[in-house]
Amino acid sequence: MPEELGPRRDFVGYGRVPPRVRWPDGARIAVSLVINYEAGAEYSFAAGDGRREAVGEFGVAINPTRPGIRDLCVESSFEYESRSGTWRLARILDEYGLPATFNCCGRALLENPEIGKYIAEAGHEPMAHGWRWEEPWRLSPAEEREHIARAVADIESACGSRPVGWHSRCTPSVHTRELVAAEGGFLYDSDAYNDDLPYFTETAAGSHLVVPYSLTFNDMRFAFPGYADPTSFTRYLAMGFDDLWEEGATRPRMMTIGLHGRWAGMPGRARAVRDFLDHALAREGVWFARRADIARWWLDHHREFD
């Protein structure tokens, strides 16, 4: 396949019989809570980008002003994430004593260093979400390599440890996985939405682990009118959890839940997160884990899976 077309697609995966995973303590399901932190790294005229961020509270920028004018509404939505919403989610994690992965843009942590200090002090995992909250496919391979390095450096500086996982803004470039694998310090990437379990893929740098992410169990549904309200979000998460937990009686599964301070960190929506956690914690055989822990477990034990 020509290099510019990127990796070959795989429609088969694990097939009819997924592996019989053995999570720690015989858990039926590994639950990965991911707190996305992007505030201050999004596109804005204030940052000199020459464009406004399109994804705000209601899915699209709602300020009808002509091109070239700052959208203070969308900018304020991202500021809520940094000023208030992320801290509300952090208090929930602290209260429940649960580990999480913070999917951080390097520049966002520069804007609010206290977030990085909290991640380190609480023992959460910092995952790299790019240097900016940007589309990697807009970058040349050289630019993308530079931005990966800047993200690693800024996150390590803010959190005291380098990220070992990578997740682009929704759409990676055809070069992203090769660049991440070749960088040498990443255990995994989450630039895929195609499975309920981690899996290996081949790159020029060798075998590479993918820990798939989810846009399904994701609070970005709040950003699109009609897609979710707090009650339906709790119910949807609980239904997905129950399906995976039941399947996990014979073939353990993984569930990723993506949250943002500007969406799930809002009052009322945060209650939906609490209600789901109460539902999940009422079951036995549930392993709440950072993505790095899932990756390391998979790397160490996958040969034992049937």
Foldseek 3Di string as FASTA:
>chain_A
DDLQVFDDDDPQPCHPDRWQDQDPPRFLEEEAEEEEQAQPQADWVVVVNQFEGQFAQQGGQPPPDDRPDTRVRRNVLSVLLVPFLVVLVLVVCVVVVFEHEYAYALSRCVVPLVVLCSCQVSVHAYAYAWNGLDAQQVDDPVVRLVRVVSRQVSSCVSNVHGHQEYEYNQHHRSCVVQSSLVVPRHQEYANAAPDQAKDWDAYPSGIHIYGHAHPQQEQSLSNHPPRDFLVVSLVSLLVVVVVQSVVSVRHRTYHYHYYTSSGCSDPRSVVSVVSNVVSVVVDPSYHHDYVVVSSVCCVVCVVVID
